[in-house]
């Protein structure tokens, strides 16, 4: 019977204590989300992947051991990187286009 003497049991708390409790929970969740975002490695971009696969493809084409199926597989990966690169590309304005030329 004495095992529950240290348990505070049901407590009545006021509005200010509820607000503090909720804010602490939200702050902990936000910190966990931010730390999870920071730990994720973005890896190479689609442009970097395309360039690397293009180089690999050129090398593989000159190797007698590489068959057509292997080349086709690398070409498909290169094409996927090219499509993703186009999706993330930023469209230039007219003034930006003329500055680059």
N, C-alpha and C. Protein backbone atom coordinates (compact mmCIF):
# COMPACT_ATOMS: atom_id res chain seq x y z
N UNK A 1 0.82 -1.20 0.00
CA UNK A 1 0.00 0.00 0.00
C UNK A 1 0.86 1.27 0.00
N UNK A 2 2.04 1.19 0.52
CA UNK A 2 2.90 2.36 0.63
C UNK A 2 3.68 2.64 -0.65
N UNK A 3 3.56 1.80 -1.68
CA UNK A 3 4.34 2.00 -2.91
C UNK A 3 3.92 3.24 -3.68
N UNK A 4 2.73 3.75 -3.46
CA UNK A 4 2.25 4.92 -4.17
C UNK A 4 2.49 6.23 -3.43
N UNK A 5 3.21 6.23 -2.36
CA UNK A 5 3.40 7.46 -1.59
C UNK A 5 4.25 8.48 -2.34
N UNK A 6 5.16 8.02 -3.20
CA UNK A 6 6.00 8.97 -3.94
C UNK A 6 5.35 9.43 -5.24
N UNK A 7 4.26 8.79 -5.66
CA UNK A 7 3.56 9.15 -6.90
C UNK A 7 2.64 10.32 -6.63
N UNK A 8 2.87 11.46 -7.33
CA UNK A 8 2.02 12.61 -7.08
C UNK A 8 0.58 12.41 -7.56
N UNK A 9 0.38 11.46 -8.49
CA UNK A 9 -0.97 11.18 -8.97
C UNK A 9 -1.54 12.31 -9.80
N UNK A 10 -2.84 12.50 -9.73
CA UNK A 10 -3.54 13.51 -10.50
C UNK A 10 -3.20 14.89 -9.96
N UNK A 11 -2.78 15.79 -10.83
CA UNK A 11 -2.44 17.14 -10.42
C UNK A 11 -3.26 18.13 -11.21
N UNK A 12 -3.66 19.16 -10.55
CA UNK A 12 -4.35 20.25 -11.23
C UNK A 12 -3.32 21.32 -11.53
N UNK A 13 -3.19 21.67 -12.82
CA UNK A 13 -2.25 22.71 -13.20
C UNK A 13 -3.01 23.86 -13.84
N UNK A 14 -2.42 25.04 -13.74
CA UNK A 14 -3.09 26.21 -14.29
C UNK A 14 -2.72 26.40 -15.76
N UNK A 15 -3.32 27.39 -16.39
CA UNK A 15 -3.12 27.65 -17.82
C UNK A 15 -1.67 27.96 -18.16
N UNK A 16 -1.00 28.74 -17.32
CA UNK A 16 0.39 29.09 -17.59
C UNK A 16 1.28 27.85 -17.61
N UNK A 17 1.05 26.93 -16.70
CA UNK A 17 1.85 25.70 -16.67
C UNK A 17 1.58 24.84 -17.90
N UNK A 18 0.35 24.84 -18.38
CA UNK A 18 0.02 24.09 -19.59
C UNK A 18 0.75 24.68 -20.79
N UNK A 19 0.76 26.02 -20.89
CA UNK A 19 1.43 26.69 -22.01
C UNK A 19 2.92 26.39 -21.99
N UNK A 20 3.54 26.45 -20.83
CA UNK A 20 4.97 26.17 -20.71
C UNK A 20 5.26 24.73 -21.12
N UNK A 21 4.42 23.81 -20.68
CA UNK A 21 4.62 22.40 -21.01
C UNK A 21 4.51 22.16 -22.52
N UNK A 22 3.53 22.76 -23.16
CA UNK A 22 3.34 22.59 -24.60
C UNK A 22 4.49 23.21 -25.37
N UNK A 23 4.94 24.39 -24.97
CA UNK A 23 6.06 25.05 -25.65
C UNK A 23 7.33 24.22 -25.56
N UNK A 24 7.58 23.63 -24.41
CA UNK A 24 8.77 22.80 -24.25
C UNK A 24 8.70 21.59 -25.18
N UNK A 25 7.51 20.98 -25.29
CA UNK A 25 7.35 19.83 -26.19
C UNK A 25 7.59 20.23 -27.64
N UNK A 26 7.07 21.39 -28.06
CA UNK A 26 7.23 21.86 -29.44
C UNK A 26 8.69 22.19 -29.72
N UNK A 27 9.37 22.82 -28.76
CA UNK A 27 10.77 23.17 -28.96
C UNK A 27 11.62 21.91 -29.12
N UNK A 28 11.34 20.88 -28.35
CA UNK A 28 12.09 19.63 -28.47
C UNK A 28 11.85 19.00 -29.83
N UNK A 29 10.60 19.01 -30.31
CA UNK A 29 10.29 18.44 -31.62
C UNK A 29 10.99 19.21 -32.73
N UNK A 30 11.00 20.54 -32.64
CA UNK A 30 11.65 21.35 -33.67
C UNK A 30 13.15 21.09 -33.67
N UNK A 31 13.77 21.00 -32.51
CA UNK A 31 15.20 20.72 -32.44
C UNK A 31 15.52 19.35 -33.02
N UNK A 32 14.68 18.36 -32.77
CA UNK A 32 14.90 17.03 -33.33
C UNK A 32 14.79 17.06 -34.85
N UNK A 33 13.82 17.80 -35.38
CA UNK A 33 13.66 17.89 -36.83
C UNK A 33 14.84 18.60 -37.47
N UNK A 34 15.31 19.67 -36.84
CA UNK A 34 16.45 20.41 -37.39
C UNK A 34 17.71 19.56 -37.36
N UNK A 35 17.93 18.84 -36.29
CA UNK A 35 19.12 18.02 -36.22
C UNK A 35 19.04 16.88 -37.22
N UNK A 36 17.85 16.35 -37.48
CA UNK A 36 17.69 15.30 -38.49
C UNK A 36 17.98 15.85 -39.87
N UNK A 37 17.58 17.09 -40.17
CA UNK A 37 17.83 17.69 -41.46
C UNK A 37 19.32 17.93 -41.69
N UNK A 38 20.01 18.33 -40.65
CA UNK A 38 21.42 18.64 -40.77
C UNK A 38 22.23 17.36 -41.02
N UNK A 39 21.82 16.24 -40.42
CA UNK A 39 22.57 15.01 -40.54
C UNK A 39 22.44 14.37 -41.91
N UNK A 40 21.42 14.72 -42.67
CA UNK A 40 21.19 14.11 -43.97
C UNK A 40 22.20 14.67 -44.97
N UNK A 41 22.89 13.77 -45.65
CA UNK A 41 23.86 14.18 -46.66
C UNK A 41 23.13 14.30 -47.99
N UNK A 42 23.21 15.46 -48.60
CA UNK A 42 22.48 15.70 -49.85
C UNK A 42 23.06 14.89 -51.00
N UNK A 43 24.33 14.57 -50.96
CA UNK A 43 24.95 13.81 -52.04
C UNK A 43 25.19 14.68 -53.25
N UNK A 44 25.64 14.06 -54.34
CA UNK A 44 25.92 14.84 -55.54
C UNK A 44 24.64 15.35 -56.19
N UNK A 45 24.75 16.46 -56.88
CA UNK A 45 23.60 17.01 -57.59
C UNK A 45 23.37 16.23 -58.88
N UNK A 46 22.24 16.49 -59.51
CA UNK A 46 21.92 15.82 -60.77
C UNK A 46 22.94 16.19 -61.84
N UNK A 47 23.42 17.41 -61.83
CA UNK A 47 24.42 17.83 -62.82
C UNK A 47 25.74 17.09 -62.61
N UNK A 48 26.13 16.94 -61.35
CA UNK A 48 27.37 16.20 -61.05
C UNK A 48 27.24 14.73 -61.44
N UNK A 49 26.07 14.15 -61.16
CA UNK A 49 25.83 12.75 -61.52
C UNK A 49 25.86 12.59 -63.03
N UNK A 50 25.25 13.52 -63.75
CA UNK A 50 25.24 13.46 -65.22
C UNK A 50 26.67 13.51 -65.77
N UNK A 51 27.47 14.43 -65.25
CA UNK A 51 28.84 14.56 -65.73
C UNK A 51 29.65 13.29 -65.45
N UNK A 52 29.48 12.73 -64.27
CA UNK A 52 30.20 11.51 -63.93
C UNK A 52 29.77 10.33 -64.78
N UNK A 53 28.47 10.20 -65.00
CA UNK A 53 27.98 9.10 -65.82
C UNK A 53 28.39 9.27 -67.29
N UNK A 54 28.44 10.50 -67.74
CA UNK A 54 28.89 10.77 -69.12
C UNK A 54 30.34 10.33 -69.29
N UNK A 55 31.17 10.65 -68.30
CA UNK A 55 32.57 10.25 -68.33
C UNK A 55 32.70 8.72 -68.29
N UNK A 56 31.91 8.10 -67.40
CA UNK A 56 31.94 6.64 -67.29
C UNK A 56 31.51 5.98 -68.60
N UNK A 57 30.49 6.54 -69.22
CA UNK A 57 30.00 5.98 -70.48
C UNK A 57 31.07 6.06 -71.57
N UNK A 58 31.74 7.19 -71.66
CA UNK A 58 32.81 7.34 -72.67
C UNK A 58 33.92 6.33 -72.42
N UNK A 59 34.26 6.10 -71.17
CA UNK A 59 35.31 5.14 -70.84
C UNK A 59 34.85 3.72 -71.17
N UNK A 60 33.60 3.40 -70.80
CA UNK A 60 33.07 2.05 -71.02
C UNK A 60 32.98 1.71 -72.51
N UNK A 61 32.67 2.70 -73.35
CA UNK A 61 32.55 2.46 -74.78
C UNK A 61 33.87 2.02 -75.40
N UNK A 62 34.96 2.35 -74.77
CA UNK A 62 36.28 2.01 -75.30
C UNK A 62 36.84 0.70 -74.69
N UNK A 63 36.07 0.08 -73.82
CA UNK A 63 36.53 -1.15 -73.18
C UNK A 63 35.95 -2.37 -73.91
N UNK A 64 36.79 -3.29 -74.31
CA UNK A 64 36.28 -4.47 -75.04
C UNK A 64 35.44 -5.40 -74.15
N UNK A 65 35.62 -5.33 -72.84
CA UNK A 65 34.87 -6.21 -71.94
C UNK A 65 33.41 -5.78 -71.76
N UNK A 66 33.09 -4.54 -72.05
CA UNK A 66 31.74 -4.02 -71.82
C UNK A 66 30.81 -4.43 -72.94
N UNK A 67 29.69 -5.01 -72.56
CA UNK A 67 28.72 -5.40 -73.57
C UNK A 67 27.63 -4.35 -73.70
N UNK A 68 26.73 -4.58 -74.64
CA UNK A 68 25.69 -3.59 -74.94
C UNK A 68 24.72 -3.39 -73.78
N UNK A 69 24.46 -4.44 -73.03
CA UNK A 69 23.55 -4.33 -71.90
C UNK A 69 24.12 -3.41 -70.81
N UNK A 70 25.41 -3.53 -70.56
CA UNK A 70 26.04 -2.65 -69.58
C UNK A 70 26.01 -1.20 -70.04
N UNK A 71 26.30 -0.99 -71.31
CA UNK A 71 26.26 0.37 -71.85
C UNK A 71 24.86 0.96 -71.78
N UNK A 72 23.87 0.15 -72.10
CA UNK A 72 22.49 0.60 -72.05
C UNK A 72 22.08 0.99 -70.63
N UNK A 73 22.53 0.21 -69.65
CA UNK A 73 22.23 0.51 -68.25
C UNK A 73 22.82 1.86 -67.84
N UNK A 74 24.06 2.10 -68.19
CA UNK A 74 24.70 3.38 -67.84
C UNK A 74 24.03 4.53 -68.59
N UNK A 75 23.63 4.31 -69.84
CA UNK A 75 22.94 5.35 -70.59
C UNK A 75 21.61 5.71 -69.94
N UNK A 76 20.90 4.70 -69.45
CA UNK A 76 19.63 4.97 -68.77
C UNK A 76 19.85 5.79 -67.49
N UNK A 77 20.89 5.44 -66.75
CA UNK A 77 21.19 6.22 -65.54
C UNK A 77 21.57 7.65 -65.90
N UNK A 78 22.35 7.81 -66.95
CA UNK A 78 22.73 9.15 -67.41
C UNK A 78 21.50 9.95 -67.83
N UNK A 79 20.58 9.30 -68.54
CA UNK A 79 19.36 9.98 -68.98
C UNK A 79 18.48 10.38 -67.79
N UNK A 80 18.44 9.53 -66.77
CA UNK A 80 17.69 9.88 -65.55
C UNK A 80 18.29 11.12 -64.90
N UNK A 81 19.61 11.16 -64.80
CA UNK A 81 20.27 12.33 -64.22
C UNK A 81 20.00 13.58 -65.07
N UNK A 82 19.95 13.42 -66.39
CA UNK A 82 19.68 14.55 -67.28
C UNK A 82 18.26 15.07 -67.07
N UNK A 83 17.29 14.15 -66.92
CA UNK A 83 15.91 14.59 -66.68
C UNK A 83 15.79 15.32 -65.34
N UNK A 84 16.43 14.80 -64.33
CA UNK A 84 16.37 15.45 -63.02
C UNK A 84 17.08 16.80 -63.04
N UNK A 85 18.14 16.89 -63.82
CA UNK A 85 18.86 18.16 -63.95
C UNK A 85 17.97 19.21 -64.59
N UNK A 86 17.19 18.82 -65.59
CA UNK A 86 16.29 19.76 -66.26
C UNK A 86 15.16 20.21 -65.33
N UNK A 87 14.67 19.29 -64.48
CA UNK A 87 13.59 19.64 -63.56
C UNK A 87 14.03 20.66 -62.53
N UNK A 88 15.29 20.59 -62.13
CA UNK A 88 15.79 21.51 -61.09
C UNK A 88 16.45 22.75 -61.67
N UNK A 89 16.53 22.83 -62.99
CA UNK A 89 17.18 23.99 -63.61
C UNK A 89 16.33 25.24 -63.42
N UNK A 90 17.00 26.35 -63.21
CA UNK A 90 16.32 27.63 -63.04
C UNK A 90 16.25 28.32 -64.40
N UNK A 91 15.07 28.81 -64.73
CA UNK A 91 14.91 29.51 -66.00
C UNK A 91 15.51 30.90 -65.89
N UNK A 92 16.31 31.28 -66.87
CA UNK A 92 16.96 32.58 -66.89
C UNK A 92 16.01 33.64 -67.41
N UNK A 93 16.21 34.85 -66.91
CA UNK A 93 15.47 35.98 -67.45
C UNK A 93 16.19 36.44 -68.72
N UNK A 94 15.55 37.31 -69.49
CA UNK A 94 16.18 37.82 -70.72
C UNK A 94 17.46 38.58 -70.42
N UNK A 95 17.46 39.38 -69.37
CA UNK A 95 18.67 40.14 -69.04
C UNK A 95 19.80 39.22 -68.62
N UNK A 96 19.49 38.14 -67.92
CA UNK A 96 20.54 37.18 -67.53
C UNK A 96 21.09 36.46 -68.75
N UNK A 97 20.24 36.18 -69.74
CA UNK A 97 20.71 35.50 -70.93
C UNK A 97 21.68 36.37 -71.72
N UNK A 98 21.39 37.66 -71.80
CA UNK A 98 22.26 38.54 -72.56
C UNK A 98 23.55 38.85 -71.83
N UNK A 99 23.56 38.79 -70.51
CA UNK A 99 24.78 39.00 -69.75
C UNK A 99 25.77 37.88 -69.97
N UNK A 100 25.30 36.66 -70.14
CA UNK A 100 26.17 35.50 -70.27
C UNK A 100 26.81 35.42 -71.65
N UNK A 101 26.22 36.04 -72.65
CA UNK A 101 26.76 35.93 -74.01
C UNK A 101 27.79 36.92 -74.27
